[in-house]
Amino acid sequence: MSADGQGVDKGLLPFRGRMLVEHVIERLSPQVASLLLNAPDEPRWRALGQPLIQDQLGPALGPLAGMHAGMRASQSQWLLCVPCDAPLLPADLAERLLAAQRTSGASCITATAGGRTHPVFALLDVALCDRLEAFLNTGARKVEAWLDDIDTAQCEFPDPTAFSNLNTPSDLLELERA
């Protein structure tokens, strides 16, 4: 889970009476065998009752470092990654991404909706971990650039709202009102 650039853990921000990350956990838990939170080992994160993992390649490396940490810690061949600031993620996200993987055979499947790709909503084969580490060690940080470098397919979803990221206080207020 990432901070917003001002040192605020976005996942801990309130939304509809609970923290953003609590909404994400609630929507994702029925879809997966286990959860890992890429978050600081701090009391508010520990209180969520999920295993915490930290970036292993250094601080402030962005979402790819979280994906890398997840791949290293995963006990499964597949890792489903989502951001902590998307409380409306689809209830069938895992099922649809896995179906797209089976159809395409790709090692990475990302979500698309409303003509836009959502690269941090991704199903990743953990065998990509070493490749991702090598990519990060070059100094590159852009998720899209890494996805262009690997075997990636997309899975279309009907509702773009499900992928709403809350990057600013106004985004949070707007979604709260909706």
N, C-alpha and C. Protein backbone atom coordinates (compact mmCIF):
# COMPACT_ATOMS: atom_id res chain seq x y z
N MET A 1 0.85 -1.16 0.00
CA MET A 1 0.00 0.00 0.00
C MET A 1 0.90 1.23 0.00
N SER A 2 0.53 2.19 -0.75
CA SER A 2 1.43 3.31 -0.93
C SER A 2 0.96 4.58 -0.25
N ALA A 3 1.90 5.43 -0.01
CA ALA A 3 1.58 6.75 0.53
C ALA A 3 1.26 7.67 -0.63
N ASP A 4 0.67 8.79 -0.34
CA ASP A 4 0.21 9.70 -1.40
C ASP A 4 1.24 10.73 -1.80
N GLY A 5 2.48 10.58 -1.40
CA GLY A 5 3.50 11.55 -1.75
C GLY A 5 3.64 12.62 -0.68
N GLN A 6 2.68 12.70 0.22
CA GLN A 6 2.75 13.65 1.33
C GLN A 6 2.91 12.90 2.65
N GLY A 7 3.23 11.63 2.57
CA GLY A 7 3.45 10.85 3.78
C GLY A 7 2.18 10.28 4.38
N VAL A 8 1.04 10.40 3.70
CA VAL A 8 -0.22 9.87 4.19
C VAL A 8 -0.45 8.51 3.56
N ASP A 9 -0.68 7.50 4.38
CA ASP A 9 -1.03 6.20 3.86
C ASP A 9 -2.46 6.25 3.35
N LYS A 10 -2.60 6.23 2.04
CA LYS A 10 -3.94 6.37 1.45
C LYS A 10 -4.89 5.29 1.93
N GLY A 11 -4.42 4.09 2.09
CA GLY A 11 -5.29 2.99 2.53
C GLY A 11 -5.95 3.22 3.87
N LEU A 12 -5.34 4.07 4.69
CA LEU A 12 -5.89 4.33 6.02
C LEU A 12 -6.87 5.49 6.05
N LEU A 13 -7.06 6.16 4.92
CA LEU A 13 -8.00 7.28 4.87
C LEU A 13 -9.43 6.78 5.03
N PRO A 14 -10.28 7.59 5.69
CA PRO A 14 -11.67 7.16 5.88
C PRO A 14 -12.49 7.27 4.61
N PHE A 15 -13.36 6.29 4.42
CA PHE A 15 -14.29 6.27 3.30
C PHE A 15 -15.53 5.50 3.76
N ARG A 16 -16.67 6.16 3.73
CA ARG A 16 -17.93 5.54 4.13
C ARG A 16 -17.82 4.83 5.49
N GLY A 17 -17.20 5.50 6.43
CA GLY A 17 -17.15 5.01 7.81
C GLY A 17 -16.05 4.02 8.14
N ARG A 18 -15.26 3.64 7.16
CA ARG A 18 -14.14 2.72 7.40
C ARG A 18 -12.95 3.16 6.58
N MET A 19 -11.80 2.57 6.86
CA MET A 19 -10.61 2.89 6.08
C MET A 19 -10.75 2.31 4.67
N LEU A 20 -10.14 2.99 3.69
CA LEU A 20 -10.18 2.51 2.30
C LEU A 20 -9.75 1.06 2.20
N VAL A 21 -8.66 0.71 2.85
CA VAL A 21 -8.13 -0.64 2.75
C VAL A 21 -9.11 -1.67 3.31
N GLU A 22 -9.93 -1.31 4.26
CA GLU A 22 -10.92 -2.25 4.79
C GLU A 22 -11.96 -2.61 3.72
N HIS A 23 -12.32 -1.63 2.90
CA HIS A 23 -13.24 -1.91 1.79
C HIS A 23 -12.58 -2.87 0.79
N VAL A 24 -11.30 -2.62 0.49
CA VAL A 24 -10.57 -3.46 -0.45
C VAL A 24 -10.47 -4.89 0.10
N ILE A 25 -10.13 -5.03 1.36
CA ILE A 25 -10.03 -6.36 1.98
C ILE A 25 -11.38 -7.08 1.91
N GLU A 26 -12.44 -6.37 2.23
CA GLU A 26 -13.78 -6.98 2.21
C GLU A 26 -14.15 -7.49 0.81
N ARG A 27 -13.81 -6.71 -0.22
CA ARG A 27 -14.17 -7.11 -1.58
C ARG A 27 -13.25 -8.19 -2.13
N LEU A 28 -12.01 -8.19 -1.70
CA LEU A 28 -11.04 -9.13 -2.26
C LEU A 28 -11.01 -10.47 -1.52
N SER A 29 -11.25 -10.48 -0.23
CA SER A 29 -11.15 -11.71 0.58
C SER A 29 -11.92 -12.89 0.02
N PRO A 30 -13.17 -12.71 -0.42
CA PRO A 30 -13.89 -13.88 -0.94
C PRO A 30 -13.34 -14.40 -2.28
N GLN A 31 -12.46 -13.63 -2.91
CA GLN A 31 -11.97 -13.98 -4.24
C GLN A 31 -10.65 -14.72 -4.24
N VAL A 32 -9.94 -14.71 -3.12
CA VAL A 32 -8.59 -15.28 -3.07
C VAL A 32 -8.42 -16.18 -1.85
N ALA A 33 -7.41 -17.04 -1.91
CA ALA A 33 -7.15 -17.96 -0.80
C ALA A 33 -6.53 -17.24 0.39
N SER A 34 -5.71 -16.22 0.12
CA SER A 34 -5.07 -15.48 1.21
C SER A 34 -4.72 -14.08 0.72
N LEU A 35 -4.52 -13.19 1.66
CA LEU A 35 -4.17 -11.80 1.37
C LEU A 35 -2.80 -11.48 1.92
N LEU A 36 -2.11 -10.58 1.25
CA LEU A 36 -0.86 -9.99 1.74
C LEU A 36 -1.02 -8.49 1.58
N LEU A 37 -0.66 -7.73 2.59
CA LEU A 37 -0.70 -6.28 2.49
C LEU A 37 0.72 -5.75 2.40
N ASN A 38 1.00 -5.02 1.34
CA ASN A 38 2.29 -4.36 1.20
C ASN A 38 2.16 -3.02 1.91
N ALA A 39 2.57 -3.03 3.17
CA ALA A 39 2.34 -1.87 4.04
C ALA A 39 3.39 -1.83 5.14
N PRO A 40 3.54 -0.66 5.76
CA PRO A 40 4.49 -0.57 6.88
C PRO A 40 4.07 -1.47 8.04
N ASP A 41 5.05 -1.99 8.74
CA ASP A 41 4.77 -2.80 9.93
C ASP A 41 4.48 -1.85 11.09
N GLU A 42 3.27 -1.31 11.08
CA GLU A 42 2.83 -0.34 12.08
C GLU A 42 1.52 -0.79 12.69
N PRO A 43 1.20 -0.33 13.89
CA PRO A 43 0.01 -0.81 14.60
C PRO A 43 -1.30 -0.73 13.81
N ARG A 44 -1.55 0.36 13.10
CA ARG A 44 -2.83 0.46 12.39
C ARG A 44 -2.93 -0.55 11.27
N TRP A 45 -1.82 -0.86 10.63
CA TRP A 45 -1.83 -1.88 9.58
C TRP A 45 -1.92 -3.28 10.20
N ARG A 46 -1.17 -3.52 11.27
CA ARG A 46 -1.22 -4.83 11.93
C ARG A 46 -2.62 -5.14 12.44
N ALA A 47 -3.35 -4.11 12.88
CA ALA A 47 -4.70 -4.29 13.42
C ALA A 47 -5.67 -4.85 12.38
N LEU A 48 -5.32 -4.78 11.11
CA LEU A 48 -6.19 -5.31 10.07
C LEU A 48 -6.19 -6.84 10.04
N GLY A 49 -5.22 -7.45 10.72
CA GLY A 49 -5.20 -8.91 10.85
C GLY A 49 -4.73 -9.66 9.62
N GLN A 50 -4.05 -8.99 8.71
CA GLN A 50 -3.54 -9.63 7.50
C GLN A 50 -2.00 -9.61 7.54
N PRO A 51 -1.35 -10.57 6.90
CA PRO A 51 0.11 -10.54 6.85
C PRO A 51 0.60 -9.28 6.13
N LEU A 52 1.62 -8.66 6.70
CA LEU A 52 2.22 -7.46 6.12
C LEU A 52 3.55 -7.82 5.48
N ILE A 53 3.76 -7.28 4.29
CA ILE A 53 5.05 -7.44 3.62
C ILE A 53 5.55 -6.06 3.25
N GLN A 54 6.88 -5.91 3.21
CA GLN A 54 7.47 -4.62 2.86
C GLN A 54 8.29 -4.76 1.59
N ASP A 55 8.46 -3.62 0.91
CA ASP A 55 9.30 -3.59 -0.29
C ASP A 55 10.70 -4.06 0.09
N GLN A 56 11.29 -4.89 -0.74
CA GLN A 56 12.59 -5.47 -0.44
C GLN A 56 13.74 -4.78 -1.16
N LEU A 57 13.41 -3.98 -2.16
CA LEU A 57 14.46 -3.37 -2.97
C LEU A 57 14.73 -1.92 -2.61
N GLY A 58 14.08 -1.42 -1.59
CA GLY A 58 14.29 -0.04 -1.17
C GLY A 58 12.99 0.74 -1.12
N PRO A 59 13.01 1.86 -0.43
CA PRO A 59 11.81 2.67 -0.29
C PRO A 59 11.51 3.49 -1.54
N ALA A 60 10.27 3.87 -1.68
CA ALA A 60 9.81 4.81 -2.73
C ALA A 60 10.06 4.33 -4.15
N LEU A 61 9.92 3.04 -4.39
CA LEU A 61 10.11 2.52 -5.73
C LEU A 61 8.78 2.34 -6.46
N GLY A 62 7.68 2.68 -5.82
CA GLY A 62 6.38 2.66 -6.48
C GLY A 62 5.70 1.31 -6.47
N PRO A 63 4.61 1.22 -7.24
CA PRO A 63 3.79 0.00 -7.24
C PRO A 63 4.54 -1.26 -7.66
N LEU A 64 5.51 -1.13 -8.55
CA LEU A 64 6.23 -2.32 -8.98
C LEU A 64 7.00 -2.97 -7.83
N ALA A 65 7.49 -2.18 -6.90
CA ALA A 65 8.19 -2.74 -5.75
C ALA A 65 7.23 -3.54 -4.88
N GLY A 66 5.99 -3.06 -4.77
CA GLY A 66 4.98 -3.81 -4.04
C GLY A 66 4.63 -5.12 -4.74
N MET A 67 4.55 -5.08 -6.06
CA MET A 67 4.30 -6.30 -6.82
C MET A 67 5.45 -7.29 -6.62
N HIS A 68 6.67 -6.77 -6.64
CA HIS A 68 7.84 -7.61 -6.43
C HIS A 68 7.79 -8.26 -5.05
N ALA A 69 7.50 -7.47 -4.01
CA ALA A 69 7.42 -8.01 -2.66
C ALA A 69 6.32 -9.08 -2.57
N GLY A 70 5.21 -8.83 -3.23
CA GLY A 70 4.13 -9.81 -3.24
C GLY A 70 4.52 -11.11 -3.92
N MET A 71 5.23 -11.00 -5.04
CA MET A 71 5.69 -12.21 -5.74
C MET A 71 6.66 -13.00 -4.87
N ARG A 72 7.55 -12.29 -4.19
CA ARG A 72 8.52 -12.97 -3.32
C ARG A 72 7.83 -13.69 -2.16
N ALA A 73 6.75 -13.11 -1.65
CA ALA A 73 6.08 -13.68 -0.48
C ALA A 73 4.96 -14.66 -0.83
N SER A 74 4.53 -14.68 -2.07
CA SER A 74 3.38 -15.50 -2.47
C SER A 74 3.66 -16.98 -2.30
N GLN A 75 2.64 -17.69 -1.86
CA GLN A 75 2.71 -19.15 -1.74
C GLN A 75 2.00 -19.82 -2.92
N SER A 76 1.60 -19.02 -3.89
CA SER A 76 0.85 -19.49 -5.03
C SER A 76 1.60 -19.14 -6.32
N GLN A 77 1.21 -19.76 -7.42
CA GLN A 77 1.81 -19.42 -8.72
C GLN A 77 1.33 -18.06 -9.20
N TRP A 78 0.13 -17.65 -8.76
CA TRP A 78 -0.48 -16.42 -9.24
C TRP A 78 -0.67 -15.44 -8.11
N LEU A 79 -0.38 -14.18 -8.41
CA LEU A 79 -0.56 -13.09 -7.44
C LEU A 79 -1.52 -12.08 -8.05
N LEU A 80 -2.59 -11.78 -7.33
CA LEU A 80 -3.54 -10.76 -7.75
C LEU A 80 -3.18 -9.47 -7.03
N CYS A 81 -2.84 -8.44 -7.78
CA CYS A 81 -2.46 -7.15 -7.20
C CYS A 81 -3.57 -6.13 -7.42
N VAL A 82 -3.85 -5.38 -6.37
CA VAL A 82 -4.80 -4.27 -6.44
C VAL A 82 -4.27 -3.13 -5.56
N PRO A 83 -4.64 -1.91 -5.88
CA PRO A 83 -4.22 -0.80 -5.02
C PRO A 83 -5.14 -0.68 -3.80
N CYS A 84 -4.62 -0.04 -2.76
CA CYS A 84 -5.39 0.11 -1.52
C CYS A 84 -6.42 1.23 -1.60
N ASP A 85 -6.40 2.00 -2.68
CA ASP A 85 -7.29 3.16 -2.77
C ASP A 85 -8.37 2.99 -3.83
N ALA A 86 -8.81 1.74 -4.02
CA ALA A 86 -9.86 1.44 -5.00
C ALA A 86 -10.93 0.60 -4.30
N PRO A 87 -11.77 1.23 -3.50
CA PRO A 87 -12.70 0.49 -2.65
C PRO A 87 -13.87 -0.16 -3.37
N LEU A 88 -14.03 0.09 -4.66
CA LEU A 88 -15.17 -0.46 -5.40
C LEU A 88 -14.76 -1.55 -6.38
N LEU A 89 -13.60 -2.17 -6.18
CA LEU A 89 -13.11 -3.15 -7.14
C LEU A 89 -14.15 -4.23 -7.37
N PRO A 90 -14.16 -4.81 -8.58
CA PRO A 90 -15.20 -5.78 -8.94
C PRO A 90 -15.20 -7.02 -8.05
N ALA A 91 -16.39 -7.49 -7.76
CA ALA A 91 -16.55 -8.70 -6.95
C ALA A 91 -16.11 -9.95 -7.70
N ASP A 92 -15.94 -9.84 -9.03
CA ASP A 92 -15.50 -10.98 -9.83
C ASP A 92 -14.13 -10.72 -10.48
N LEU A 93 -13.35 -9.83 -9.89
CA LEU A 93 -12.06 -9.46 -10.46
C LEU A 93 -11.16 -10.68 -10.66
N ALA A 94 -10.94 -11.45 -9.61
CA ALA A 94 -10.04 -12.61 -9.69
C ALA A 94 -10.55 -13.62 -10.71
N GLU A 95 -11.82 -13.93 -10.67
CA GLU A 95 -12.40 -14.91 -11.58
C GLU A 95 -12.23 -14.51 -13.04
N ARG A 96 -12.50 -13.26 -13.34
CA ARG A 96 -12.41 -12.80 -14.73
C ARG A 96 -10.96 -12.71 -15.21
N LEU A 97 -10.04 -12.23 -14.34
CA LEU A 97 -8.64 -12.16 -14.74
C LEU A 97 -8.07 -13.57 -14.96
N LEU A 98 -8.44 -14.51 -14.10
CA LEU A 98 -7.97 -15.88 -14.26
C LEU A 98 -8.53 -16.51 -15.54
N ALA A 99 -9.79 -16.25 -15.85
CA ALA A 99 -10.38 -16.77 -17.09
C ALA A 99 -9.65 -16.18 -18.30
N ALA A 100 -9.30 -14.90 -18.24
CA ALA A 100 -8.56 -14.27 -19.33
C ALA A 100 -7.16 -14.87 -19.46
N GLN A 101 -6.55 -15.22 -18.34
CA GLN A 101 -5.24 -15.85 -18.38
C GLN A 101 -5.33 -17.22 -19.04
N ARG A 102 -6.34 -17.98 -18.68
CA ARG A 102 -6.50 -19.32 -19.26
C ARG A 102 -6.73 -19.24 -20.77
N THR A 103 -7.46 -18.23 -21.20
CA THR A 103 -7.73 -18.06 -22.63
C THR A 103 -6.49 -17.59 -23.38
N SER A 104 -5.78 -16.64 -22.80
CA SER A 104 -4.64 -16.03 -23.50
C SER A 104 -3.32 -16.76 -23.28
N GLY A 105 -3.17 -17.39 -22.12
CA GLY A 105 -1.89 -18.02 -21.77
C GLY A 105 -0.83 -17.02 -21.34
N ALA A 106 -1.20 -15.75 -21.20
CA ALA A 106 -0.24 -14.70 -20.83
C ALA A 106 0.20 -14.85 -19.37
N SER A 107 1.37 -14.33 -19.08
CA SER A 107 1.90 -14.40 -17.71
C SER A 107 1.45 -13.21 -16.86
N CYS A 108 0.78 -12.26 -17.48
CA CYS A 108 0.22 -11.11 -16.77
C CYS A 108 -1.08 -10.70 -17.45
N ILE A 109 -2.10 -10.49 -16.64
CA ILE A 109 -3.38 -10.01 -17.15
C ILE A 109 -3.72 -8.73 -16.39
N THR A 110 -4.04 -7.67 -17.12
CA THR A 110 -4.45 -6.42 -16.48
C THR A 110 -5.90 -6.11 -16.83
N ALA A 111 -6.52 -5.32 -15.98
CA ALA A 111 -7.91 -4.93 -16.18
C ALA A 111 -8.00 -3.72 -17.10
N THR A 112 -9.04 -3.70 -17.92
CA THR A 112 -9.37 -2.52 -18.71
C THR A 112 -10.86 -2.26 -18.52
N ALA A 113 -11.22 -0.99 -18.60
CA ALA A 113 -12.63 -0.60 -18.49
C ALA A 113 -12.78 0.80 -19.06
N GLY A 114 -13.84 1.01 -19.79
CA GLY A 114 -14.09 2.33 -20.35
C GLY A 114 -12.99 2.85 -21.24
N GLY A 115 -12.32 1.95 -21.97
CA GLY A 115 -11.25 2.36 -22.87
C GLY A 115 -9.94 2.69 -22.18
N ARG A 116 -9.82 2.37 -20.91
CA ARG A 116 -8.60 2.68 -20.15
C ARG A 116 -8.04 1.43 -19.50
N THR A 117 -6.73 1.28 -19.57
CA THR A 117 -6.06 0.17 -18.89
C THR A 117 -5.78 0.55 -17.45
N HIS A 118 -5.95 -0.41 -16.56
CA HIS A 118 -5.70 -0.21 -15.13
C HIS A 118 -4.58 -1.19 -14.73
N PRO A 119 -3.33 -0.79 -14.97
CA PRO A 119 -2.22 -1.72 -14.86
C PRO A 119 -1.90 -2.23 -13.46
N VAL A 120 -2.35 -1.55 -12.43
CA VAL A 120 -2.07 -2.05 -11.08
C VAL A 120 -3.13 -3.03 -10.59
N PHE A 121 -4.15 -3.25 -11.39
CA PHE A 121 -5.10 -4.33 -11.16
C PHE A 121 -4.62 -5.46 -12.06
N ALA A 122 -3.78 -6.33 -11.51
CA ALA A 122 -3.09 -7.30 -12.35
C ALA A 122 -3.01 -8.67 -11.71
N LEU A 123 -3.13 -9.68 -12.54
CA LEU A 123 -2.87 -11.06 -12.15
C LEU A 123 -1.51 -11.41 -12.73
N LEU A 124 -0.57 -11.76 -11.85
CA LEU A 124 0.83 -11.98 -12.26
C LEU A 124 1.29 -13.38 -11.92
N ASP A 125 1.98 -13.99 -12.86
CA ASP A 125 2.66 -15.25 -12.59
C ASP A 125 3.90 -14.91 -11.76
N VAL A 126 4.05 -15.52 -10.60
CA VAL A 126 5.17 -15.17 -9.73
C VAL A 126 6.52 -15.53 -10.34
N ALA A 127 6.51 -16.33 -11.40
CA ALA A 127 7.77 -16.63 -12.11
C ALA A 127 8.36 -15.37 -12.75
N LEU A 128 7.58 -14.29 -12.83
CA LEU A 128 8.07 -13.02 -13.36
C LEU A 128 8.93 -12.23 -12.37
N CYS A 129 9.04 -12.71 -11.16
CA CYS A 129 9.70 -11.95 -10.09
C CYS A 129 11.13 -11.53 -10.44
N ASP A 130 11.94 -12.45 -10.91
CA ASP A 130 13.33 -12.10 -11.22
C ASP A 130 13.40 -11.07 -12.36
N ARG A 131 12.52 -11.21 -13.33
CA ARG A 131 12.48 -10.24 -14.43
C ARG A 131 12.09 -8.86 -13.93
N LEU A 132 11.13 -8.83 -13.01
CA LEU A 132 10.72 -7.55 -12.43
C LEU A 132 11.86 -6.94 -11.62
N GLU A 133 12.55 -7.75 -10.86
CA GLU A 133 13.68 -7.24 -10.07
C GLU A 133 14.76 -6.66 -10.99
N ALA A 134 15.06 -7.34 -12.07
CA ALA A 134 16.06 -6.83 -13.02
C ALA A 134 15.59 -5.50 -13.62
N PHE A 135 14.32 -5.40 -13.94
CA PHE A 135 13.75 -4.16 -14.49
C PHE A 135 13.91 -3.02 -13.47
N LEU A 136 13.55 -3.28 -12.23
CA LEU A 136 13.66 -2.25 -11.19
C LEU A 136 15.11 -1.86 -10.94
N ASN A 137 16.02 -2.81 -11.04
CA ASN A 137 17.44 -2.52 -10.82
C ASN A 137 18.04 -1.63 -11.90
N THR A 138 17.34 -1.46 -13.03
CA THR A 138 17.81 -0.53 -14.07
C THR A 138 17.45 0.91 -13.72
N GLY A 139 16.62 1.09 -12.69
CA GLY A 139 16.15 2.42 -12.32
C GLY A 139 14.78 2.75 -12.88
N ALA A 140 14.23 1.86 -13.69
CA ALA A 140 12.90 2.07 -14.27
C ALA A 140 11.84 1.89 -13.18
N ARG A 141 10.73 2.64 -13.31
CA ARG A 141 9.67 2.59 -12.30
C ARG A 141 8.26 2.50 -12.89
N LYS A 142 8.11 2.75 -14.17
CA LYS A 142 6.77 2.82 -14.78
C LYS A 142 6.18 1.42 -14.97
N VAL A 143 5.00 1.23 -14.38
CA VAL A 143 4.31 -0.05 -14.50
C VAL A 143 4.07 -0.39 -15.97
N GLU A 144 3.59 0.58 -16.73
CA GLU A 144 3.27 0.33 -18.14
C GLU A 144 4.50 -0.11 -18.94
N ALA A 145 5.67 0.46 -18.63
CA ALA A 145 6.89 0.09 -19.34
C ALA A 145 7.25 -1.37 -19.05
N TRP A 146 7.09 -1.80 -17.81
CA TRP A 146 7.38 -3.20 -17.49
C TRP A 146 6.37 -4.12 -18.18
N LEU A 147 5.10 -3.73 -18.17
CA LEU A 147 4.08 -4.56 -18.80
C LEU A 147 4.33 -4.69 -20.30
N ASP A 148 4.87 -3.64 -20.92
CA ASP A 148 5.21 -3.70 -22.35
C ASP A 148 6.35 -4.68 -22.62
N ASP A 149 7.13 -4.96 -21.57
CA ASP A 149 8.31 -5.80 -21.69
C ASP A 149 8.02 -7.28 -21.43
N ILE A 150 6.81 -7.60 -20.97
CA ILE A 150 6.46 -8.98 -20.65
C ILE A 150 5.21 -9.39 -21.43
N ASP A 151 4.86 -10.64 -21.33
CA ASP A 151 3.69 -11.21 -22.00
C ASP A 151 2.43 -10.80 -21.23
N THR A 152 1.77 -9.74 -21.69
CA THR A 152 0.61 -9.19 -20.99
C THR A 152 -0.62 -9.23 -21.89
N ALA A 153 -1.75 -9.57 -21.29
CA ALA A 153 -3.04 -9.51 -21.97
C ALA A 153 -3.98 -8.69 -21.10
N GLN A 154 -5.08 -8.25 -21.69
CA GLN A 154 -6.05 -7.45 -20.96
C GLN A 154 -7.36 -8.22 -20.80
N CYS A 155 -8.09 -7.81 -19.77
CA CYS A 155 -9.42 -8.34 -19.50
C CYS A 155 -10.36 -7.15 -19.35
N GLU A 156 -11.37 -7.10 -20.19
CA GLU A 156 -12.31 -5.97 -20.19
C GLU A 156 -13.38 -6.15 -19.12
N PHE A 157 -13.63 -5.07 -18.38
CA PHE A 157 -14.68 -5.03 -17.38
C PHE A 157 -15.69 -3.96 -17.79
N PRO A 158 -16.97 -4.18 -17.47
CA PRO A 158 -18.01 -3.26 -17.95
C PRO A 158 -18.12 -1.94 -17.18
N ASP A 159 -17.65 -1.90 -15.94
CA ASP A 159 -17.89 -0.72 -15.10
C ASP A 159 -16.59 0.00 -14.75
N PRO A 160 -16.29 1.13 -15.42
CA PRO A 160 -15.06 1.86 -15.10
C PRO A 160 -15.03 2.40 -13.67
N THR A 161 -16.18 2.62 -13.07
CA THR A 161 -16.24 3.12 -11.69
C THR A 161 -15.58 2.16 -10.71
N ALA A 162 -15.63 0.87 -11.02
CA ALA A 162 -15.05 -0.14 -10.14
C ALA A 162 -13.55 0.05 -9.96
N PHE A 163 -12.93 0.77 -10.88
CA PHE A 163 -11.48 0.97 -10.83
C PHE A 163 -11.11 2.40 -10.42
N SER A 164 -12.05 3.10 -9.82
CA SER A 164 -11.79 4.46 -9.36
C SER A 164 -10.68 4.46 -8.32
N ASN A 165 -9.61 5.17 -8.63
CA ASN A 165 -8.52 5.36 -7.67
C ASN A 165 -8.74 6.69 -6.97
N LEU A 166 -8.48 6.70 -5.71
CA LEU A 166 -8.68 7.91 -4.93
C LEU A 166 -7.32 8.52 -4.64
N ASN A 167 -6.88 9.37 -5.55
CA ASN A 167 -5.54 9.95 -5.45
C ASN A 167 -5.50 11.32 -4.79
N THR A 168 -6.64 11.97 -4.68
CA THR A 168 -6.67 13.30 -4.07
C THR A 168 -7.85 13.37 -3.11
N PRO A 169 -7.83 14.34 -2.19
CA PRO A 169 -8.99 14.51 -1.30
C PRO A 169 -10.28 14.76 -2.07
N SER A 170 -10.20 15.46 -3.21
CA SER A 170 -11.41 15.70 -3.99
C SER A 170 -11.93 14.42 -4.63
N ASP A 171 -11.02 13.50 -5.03
CA ASP A 171 -11.46 12.20 -5.55
C ASP A 171 -12.24 11.44 -4.48
N LEU A 172 -11.73 11.48 -3.27
CA LEU A 172 -12.36 10.80 -2.14
C LEU A 172 -13.75 11.37 -1.86
N LEU A 173 -13.85 12.69 -1.83
CA LEU A 173 -15.15 13.35 -1.61
C LEU A 173 -16.13 13.04 -2.72
N GLU A 174 -15.66 13.06 -3.96
CA GLU A 174 -16.54 12.79 -5.10
C GLU A 174 -17.09 11.39 -5.05
N LEU A 175 -16.25 10.40 -4.76
CA LEU A 175 -16.72 9.03 -4.69
C LEU A 175 -17.62 8.83 -3.46
N GLU A 176 -17.31 9.50 -2.38
CA GLU A 176 -18.13 9.41 -1.17
C GLU A 176 -19.55 9.86 -1.45
N ARG A 177 -19.69 10.89 -2.26
CA ARG A 177 -21.01 11.46 -2.59
C ARG A 177 -21.77 10.61 -3.59
N ALA A 178 -21.05 9.86 -4.40
CA ALA A 178 -21.69 9.10 -5.50
C ALA A 178 -22.56 7.97 -4.99
